[in-house]
Protein backbone atom coordinates (compact mmCIF):
# COMPACT_ATOMS: atom_id res chain seq x y z
CA ARG A 1 34.50 42.77 32.71
CA TRP A 2 36.52 43.98 35.70
CA TYR A 3 34.34 47.37 36.33
CA PHE A 4 31.67 44.76 36.37
CA TYR A 5 33.27 42.02 38.66
CA THR A 6 34.18 44.81 41.05
CA VAL A 7 31.92 47.20 41.00
CA ASN A 8 29.16 45.24 43.25
CA THR A 9 27.94 42.09 43.49
CA PRO A 10 26.38 40.01 40.59
CA GLY A 11 22.29 40.79 41.60
CA ASP A 12 22.76 43.99 42.33
CA ASN A 13 21.38 46.62 39.89
CA LYS A 14 24.85 48.07 37.55
CA LEU A 15 24.36 51.90 36.84
CA PHE A 16 27.24 52.50 33.96
CA ASN A 17 29.44 55.47 34.46
CA LEU A 18 32.12 56.42 32.03
CA ARG A 19 34.23 57.79 34.96
CA ASP A 20 34.41 54.55 37.37
CA LEU A 21 34.99 52.63 34.42
CA GLU A 22 38.33 55.01 33.73
CA THR A 23 39.14 54.74 37.56
CA LYS A 24 39.20 51.05 37.42
CA LYS A 25 41.69 50.97 33.79
CA ARG A 26 43.57 53.68 35.86
CA ARG A 27 44.12 51.95 38.90
CA PHE A 28 43.96 48.74 38.47
CA VAL A 29 45.03 47.80 34.43
CA ASP A 30 47.37 50.64 34.21
CA THR A 31 49.21 49.63 37.31
CA LEU A 32 49.34 45.96 37.16
CA VAL A 33 50.44 46.56 33.65
CA ASN A 34 52.99 49.48 34.81
CA SER A 35 54.28 46.62 37.27
CA TYR A 36 54.84 44.29 33.79
CA LEU A 37 56.52 47.17 32.03
CA PHE A 38 58.83 48.38 35.64
CA LEU A 39 60.40 44.35 35.45
CA GLU A 40 60.79 44.92 31.61
CA THR A 41 63.13 47.89 32.14
CA TYR A 42 65.60 46.72 34.63
CA TYR A 43 65.34 42.76 33.26
CA ASP A 44 68.58 41.56 33.41
CA ASN A 45 70.32 38.27 32.35
CA ALA A 46 72.06 36.65 35.78
CA PRO A 47 74.85 34.47 34.96
CA ALA A 48 74.13 30.56 35.99
CA SER A 49 76.18 31.32 39.05
CA LEU A 50 74.74 33.51 40.80
CA ALA A 51 72.72 32.79 43.77
CA ALA A 52 69.75 35.06 44.47
CA ARG A 53 69.35 36.96 47.77
CA PRO A 54 66.01 37.60 48.89
CA ASP A 55 65.45 40.10 51.58
CA ILE A 56 61.91 40.85 54.09
CA LEU A 57 60.06 42.40 51.11
CA ASP A 58 60.52 39.22 49.10
CA SER A 59 59.14 36.59 51.72
CA TRP A 60 56.27 39.78 52.53
CA ILE A 61 55.44 39.80 48.80
CA LEU A 62 55.37 36.19 48.15
CA GLU A 63 53.60 35.38 51.81
CA ARG A 64 50.92 37.75 50.53
CA LEU A 65 50.41 36.24 47.61
CA ALA A 66 50.24 32.83 49.05
CA GLY A 67 47.39 33.68 51.14
CA LEU A 68 45.79 35.93 48.62
CA GLU A 69 45.45 32.73 45.95
CA SER A 70 43.58 30.78 49.32
CA LYS A 71 41.73 33.97 49.54
CA VAL A 72 40.20 34.26 45.88
CA SER A 73 40.20 29.82 45.52
CA ALA A 74 37.80 29.93 48.65
CA CYS A 75 35.87 33.23 46.85
CA LEU A 76 34.94 31.48 43.84
CA GLU A 77 34.10 28.55 45.28
CA ALA A 78 31.44 30.25 47.33
CA TYR A 79 30.63 32.10 44.05
CA ASN A 80 31.41 35.29 45.82
CA VAL A 81 33.23 36.12 42.19
CA THR A 82 33.09 40.29 43.18
CA SER A 83 34.93 39.40 46.57
CA ALA A 84 37.56 37.44 45.10
CA ALA A 85 37.77 40.29 42.68
CA ARG A 86 38.41 43.14 44.89
CA ASP A 87 40.59 41.22 47.03
CA ILE A 88 42.83 40.70 43.14
CA GLU A 89 42.64 44.85 43.21
CA GLU A 90 44.25 45.28 46.59
CA PHE A 91 46.59 43.09 46.01
CA VAL A 92 47.98 45.02 42.30
CA ASP A 93 48.19 48.07 44.91
CA GLU A 94 49.92 46.89 47.39
CA LEU A 95 52.32 44.93 44.69
CA SER A 96 52.85 48.64 43.53
CA ASN A 97 52.37 51.00 45.84
CA TRP A 98 54.91 48.97 48.29
CA TYR A 99 56.76 46.15 47.37
CA ILE A 100 57.79 47.68 43.96
CA ARG A 101 58.38 51.49 45.73
CA ARG A 102 60.51 49.41 48.03
CA SER A 103 62.41 47.91 46.02
CA ARG A 104 62.77 50.36 43.27
CA ARG A 105 66.85 51.02 44.42
CA LYS A 106 67.48 47.49 43.53
CA PHE A 107 66.14 46.94 40.61
CA GLN A 108 67.71 50.08 38.69
CA LYS A 109 71.65 48.59 40.34
CA GLN A 110 73.56 48.47 37.30
CA ASN A 111 75.39 45.46 37.96
CA MET A 112 73.36 42.46 38.80
CA ASP A 113 73.96 41.03 42.37
CA GLY A 114 72.03 38.91 44.77
CA GLU A 115 69.79 41.04 45.47
CA LYS A 116 68.34 42.74 42.34
CA LEU A 117 68.13 38.93 41.36
CA ALA A 118 65.99 37.89 44.09
CA ALA A 119 63.73 40.66 43.67
CA GLN A 120 63.67 39.97 39.39
CA ASN A 121 63.10 36.20 40.33
CA THR A 122 60.25 37.93 42.89
CA LEU A 123 58.32 39.97 40.92
CA GLU A 124 58.14 37.71 37.49
CA GLN A 125 56.64 35.05 40.02
CA VAL A 126 54.20 37.39 41.26
CA LEU A 127 52.68 38.90 38.10
CA ARG A 128 52.94 35.13 36.67
CA ARG A 129 50.47 33.93 39.46
CA VAL A 130 48.26 36.49 39.36
CA SER A 131 47.99 36.06 35.72
CA ILE A 132 47.05 32.82 36.54
CA LEU A 133 43.95 34.16 39.46
CA LEU A 134 43.15 36.61 36.57
CA ALA A 135 42.37 34.01 33.81
CA PRO A 136 38.74 34.05 34.42
CA PHE A 137 38.08 37.23 35.07
CA THR A 138 40.16 39.13 32.01
CA PRO A 139 41.02 36.75 30.23
CA PHE A 140 43.21 38.72 27.48
CA LEU A 141 45.00 40.63 29.79
CA ALA A 142 45.76 37.61 31.82
CA GLU A 143 47.31 36.45 28.54
CA TRP A 144 48.85 39.56 27.65
CA LEU A 145 50.77 39.33 31.06
CA TYR A 146 51.92 36.04 30.91
CA GLN A 147 52.83 35.57 27.17
CA ASN A 148 55.11 39.05 27.69
CA LEU A 149 56.80 36.86 30.79
CA LYS A 150 57.69 34.51 28.74
CA SER A 151 58.79 37.00 26.19
CA LEU A 152 62.00 37.44 28.83
CA LYS A 153 62.31 33.95 28.82
CA PHE A 154 61.65 32.69 32.93
CA GLU A 155 61.40 29.14 33.18
CA ALA A 156 58.57 29.46 35.03
CA CYS A 157 56.32 30.39 31.84
CA ASN A 158 56.68 26.91 30.54
CA VAL A 159 53.58 26.17 28.98
CA GLU A 160 51.88 27.52 26.10
CA SER A 161 48.94 29.54 27.83
CA VAL A 162 47.81 30.93 30.99
CA HIS A 163 44.87 29.28 30.35
CA LEU A 164 46.42 25.98 30.54
CA GLU A 165 48.30 26.59 33.71
CA LYS A 166 46.89 24.72 36.63
CA TRP A 167 44.99 26.43 39.50
CA PRO A 168 46.69 27.24 42.22
CA VAL A 169 46.42 24.99 45.17
CA LYS A 170 44.23 26.13 48.18
CA LYS A 171 46.10 26.46 50.56
CA THR A 172 44.64 26.13 55.23
CA GLN A 173 44.91 29.37 56.01
CA THR A 174 47.33 30.19 58.89
CA LYS A 175 48.10 33.30 61.29
CA ASN A 176 49.77 35.95 60.02
CA SER A 177 53.89 35.42 60.62
CA ASP A 178 56.68 37.11 61.62
CA VAL A 179 57.15 39.18 58.33
CA MET A 180 53.53 40.21 57.89
CA LYS A 181 53.57 41.11 61.60
CA ILE A 182 56.61 43.37 60.69
CA MET A 183 55.36 44.41 57.48
CA ASP A 184 51.89 45.27 58.64
CA LYS A 185 53.23 47.40 61.71
CA ALA A 186 55.68 49.06 59.22
CA ARG A 187 53.52 49.97 56.73
CA GLU A 188 50.68 51.13 59.18
CA ILE A 189 53.67 53.32 60.96
CA VAL A 190 54.34 55.18 57.60
CA ALA A 191 50.51 55.85 57.28
CA LEU A 192 50.80 57.26 60.23
CA GLY A 193 53.98 59.64 59.23
CA LEU A 194 52.18 60.64 56.18
CA ALA A 195 49.19 61.96 57.72
CA GLU A 196 51.47 63.76 60.19
CA ARG A 197 53.54 65.70 57.85
CA ALA A 198 50.17 66.71 55.69
CA ARG A 199 49.00 67.66 59.08
CA VAL A 200 52.03 69.63 59.71
CA GLY A 201 52.51 70.86 55.74
CA ILE A 202 55.41 69.04 54.57
CA ARG A 203 55.87 67.78 51.49
CA VAL A 204 57.71 64.06 51.55
CA ARG A 205 60.42 65.28 49.27
CA GLN A 206 61.36 67.54 51.78
CA PRO A 207 63.51 65.57 54.18
CA LEU A 208 63.48 65.65 57.88
CA ASN A 209 65.56 64.68 60.53
CA ALA A 210 63.66 61.98 62.29
CA LEU A 211 60.95 59.82 63.55
CA TYR A 212 60.33 59.21 66.71
CA LEU A 213 58.35 55.66 67.70
CA SER A 214 57.59 53.94 71.11
CA PRO A 215 59.99 51.62 72.10
CA GLY A 216 57.56 48.79 71.64
CA ASP A 217 56.78 49.46 68.00
CA TYR A 218 60.24 50.56 66.76
CA ASN A 219 61.40 46.67 68.14
CA ILE A 220 58.48 45.56 66.35
CA VAL A 221 59.65 47.13 63.05
CA GLY A 222 63.57 46.93 63.80
CA ASP A 223 64.47 44.98 60.44
CA VAL A 224 62.82 47.66 58.48
CA LEU A 225 63.23 50.82 60.00
CA TYR A 226 64.91 51.58 56.40
CA LEU A 227 61.85 51.36 55.04
CA VAL A 228 60.34 53.25 56.89
CA ALA A 229 62.89 56.66 56.76
CA GLU A 230 63.02 55.36 53.10
CA GLU A 231 59.38 55.75 52.74
CA LEU A 232 58.67 59.07 54.74
CA ASN A 233 61.83 60.69 53.68
CA VAL A 234 63.51 60.72 57.41
CA LYS A 235 67.59 60.77 58.17
CA LYS A 236 66.76 58.34 61.16
CA VAL A 237 64.27 56.48 63.24
CA LEU A 238 64.32 56.16 67.19
CA SER A 239 63.15 55.42 70.31
CA ASP A 240 61.31 56.92 72.73
CA ARG A 241 59.72 55.75 75.72
CA LYS A 242 57.85 58.93 76.23
CA ILE A 243 56.17 58.51 73.16
CA ALA A 244 52.58 56.19 73.30
CA LYS A 245 52.07 53.01 71.63
CA ASP A 246 50.65 53.88 68.02
CA ILE A 247 51.93 57.32 67.88
CA VAL A 248 54.65 58.95 66.17
CA VAL A 249 56.04 61.96 66.33
CA LEU A 250 58.31 64.08 63.81
CA ASP A 251 61.00 65.55 64.16
CA THR A 252 60.15 69.05 61.91
CA GLU A 253 62.59 71.76 62.59
CA LEU A 254 64.14 72.75 59.22
CA THR A 255 67.90 73.43 58.82
CA ALA A 256 69.99 74.87 56.03
CA GLU A 257 70.91 71.77 54.68
CA LEU A 258 67.42 69.44 55.16
CA LYS A 259 65.47 72.84 52.89
CA GLU A 260 69.19 72.78 50.51
CA GLU A 261 68.59 69.14 50.19
CA GLY A 262 64.58 68.84 49.71
CA LEU A 263 65.17 71.59 46.59
CA VAL A 264 67.40 69.26 45.28
CA ARG A 265 65.16 66.45 45.44
CA GLU A 266 62.25 69.44 44.02
CA LEU A 267 65.19 69.42 41.12
CA THR A 268 65.54 65.74 40.28
CA ARG A 269 62.14 65.35 40.31
CA ASN A 270 61.39 67.66 38.10
CA ILE A 271 63.92 66.78 35.56
CA ASN A 272 63.33 62.92 35.82
CA ASP A 273 59.46 63.99 34.98
CA MET A 274 61.02 65.48 31.39
CA ARG A 275 63.14 62.47 30.81
CA LYS A 276 59.77 60.73 30.95
CA GLU A 277 58.10 63.70 28.64
CA ALA A 278 60.95 63.23 26.08
CA GLY A 279 60.57 59.51 25.71
CA LEU A 280 63.24 58.24 27.36
CA THR A 281 64.25 55.32 28.66
CA PRO A 282 66.45 54.61 32.34
CA GLU A 283 69.26 53.21 29.58
CA ASP A 284 69.40 56.70 27.93
CA LYS A 285 71.99 59.14 29.82
CA ILE A 286 71.24 62.81 29.35
CA ILE A 287 72.81 66.18 28.90
CA LEU A 288 71.74 68.18 31.61
CA TYR A 289 71.63 72.22 30.45
CA TYR A 290 70.71 75.07 33.17
CA ASP A 291 70.37 79.14 33.49
CA VAL A 292 69.76 80.50 36.69
CA HIS A 293 67.30 83.35 36.19
CA GLN A 294 66.90 84.26 39.91
CA GLY A 295 68.48 82.92 43.07
CA GLN A 296 72.43 83.88 41.62
CA ASN A 297 73.93 81.20 44.91
CA PHE A 298 71.99 78.10 42.48
CA GLN A 299 75.38 77.80 40.86
CA GLU A 300 77.36 77.36 44.33
CA LEU A 301 74.41 75.53 45.58
CA LEU A 302 74.54 72.83 42.40
CA SER A 303 78.24 72.05 42.94
CA ARG A 304 77.88 70.35 45.86
CA TRP A 305 75.15 68.31 44.68
CA GLU A 306 76.29 67.39 41.12
CA GLN A 307 77.47 63.81 41.88
CA VAL A 308 73.72 63.23 43.33
CA ILE A 309 71.87 64.47 40.63
CA LYS A 310 73.91 63.16 37.94
CA SER A 311 73.34 59.57 39.34
CA GLU A 312 69.61 60.75 39.66
CA THR A 313 68.97 61.96 36.55
CA ARG A 314 71.32 60.23 34.31
CA SER A 315 73.15 63.10 33.57
CA HIS A 316 76.35 62.54 32.04
CA GLN A 317 77.60 66.32 31.71
CA ILE A 318 75.73 69.26 33.57
CA HIS A 319 76.37 72.51 31.99
CA PHE A 320 76.02 76.26 32.76
CA GLY A 321 74.01 78.38 30.32
CA ILE A 322 71.28 78.30 27.59
CA THR A 323 71.39 79.99 23.93
CA PRO A 324 68.32 81.01 21.85
CA ASP A 325 69.39 78.44 19.58
CA ASP A 326 70.00 74.97 21.55
CA ASN A 327 68.10 72.38 20.32
CA PHE A 328 66.07 70.59 23.73
CA LEU A 329 64.45 67.56 23.77
CA VAL A 330 63.04 69.54 26.67
CA HIS A 331 62.85 72.73 27.94
CA LYS A 332 61.36 74.03 31.06
CA THR A 333 61.67 76.85 33.84
CA TRP A 334 61.74 75.47 36.94
CA ASN A 335 59.91 77.36 39.87
CA HIS A 336 61.08 76.88 43.12
CA SER A 337 61.44 78.29 47.21
CA GLY A 338 63.24 81.76 45.38
CA TYR A 339 64.77 79.92 42.94
CA GLU A 340 63.86 80.62 39.09
CA ILE A 341 66.09 78.27 36.56
CA GLY A 342 65.94 77.61 33.31
CA VAL A 343 66.49 73.30 32.79
CA GLY A 344 66.86 72.20 29.50
CA ILE A 345 67.67 68.12 28.52
CA LYS A 346 69.40 66.23 25.25
CA LYS A 347 69.85 62.84 24.61
CA MET A 348 74.14 62.27 24.88
CA SER A 349 74.36 60.30 21.54
């Protein structure tokens, strides 16, 4: 159903393509389902006395959603189902690849606080309202999403079925708010920065020292410099009067310290991939084992970054040495920048 809504307009001939169908499932349906699973994974009960503290990301996604509801309503009233569906598709991509990505650390906090509560409530509200928009298009997917949100005991999901919810009231479209302008510029700068990284051949997981912007661009994104820095993996974002508007300049000098940090990030990513392969949940603690096959200063490097690796991979202990009779959930050899390291993980009982 979703494939035929979005592939082209209703009056056009449709050439069925299984590969395109699989792409739609992966990019839209799986993205939406994974957004819910992310909320479910990190959902936590909050004490009644705790007040939510929403930030600019929460405000942005809710404004973006309000605009989507108006656009979808207008499109459906004009019998333009293709544009309506494509607008929802674009929104779900932004929800996953911007809002959730940049809110991840708030959700992953061990203890509930105002920021985590605000993010949790915001994501629930967004998914619930998206399920209502989806109901005419994909009734079973919309109902699945709505019923799963109900199972988390959110008060707003208070009717029996998504198909009994009221359709959102269409609001008059207004000019972009300051929040939207700030976030649009931030995302534009990130796109430029990623393109520059690709041009010079430096992967995003390799930290860089600085990103330089024109004073005008810097002032616009002043409240979200931390988002730009996190997404582009730079230590700081600075203003430079010599740089023109809509241009970004990266400091691409790789010091020994930056190279070392990049190495550690690659290692933690590989360990977390092993966790996923083993089917572990975020709550599961692991015991990490390693053995150095090549690159004998690795133990010294690990000692400097041990606490970071433990935190990023949810490792309770890290042990040196692997024997043939060790029974690991997953065991792999990691090769990077001249290092060859055997890595094994066990679930902590």
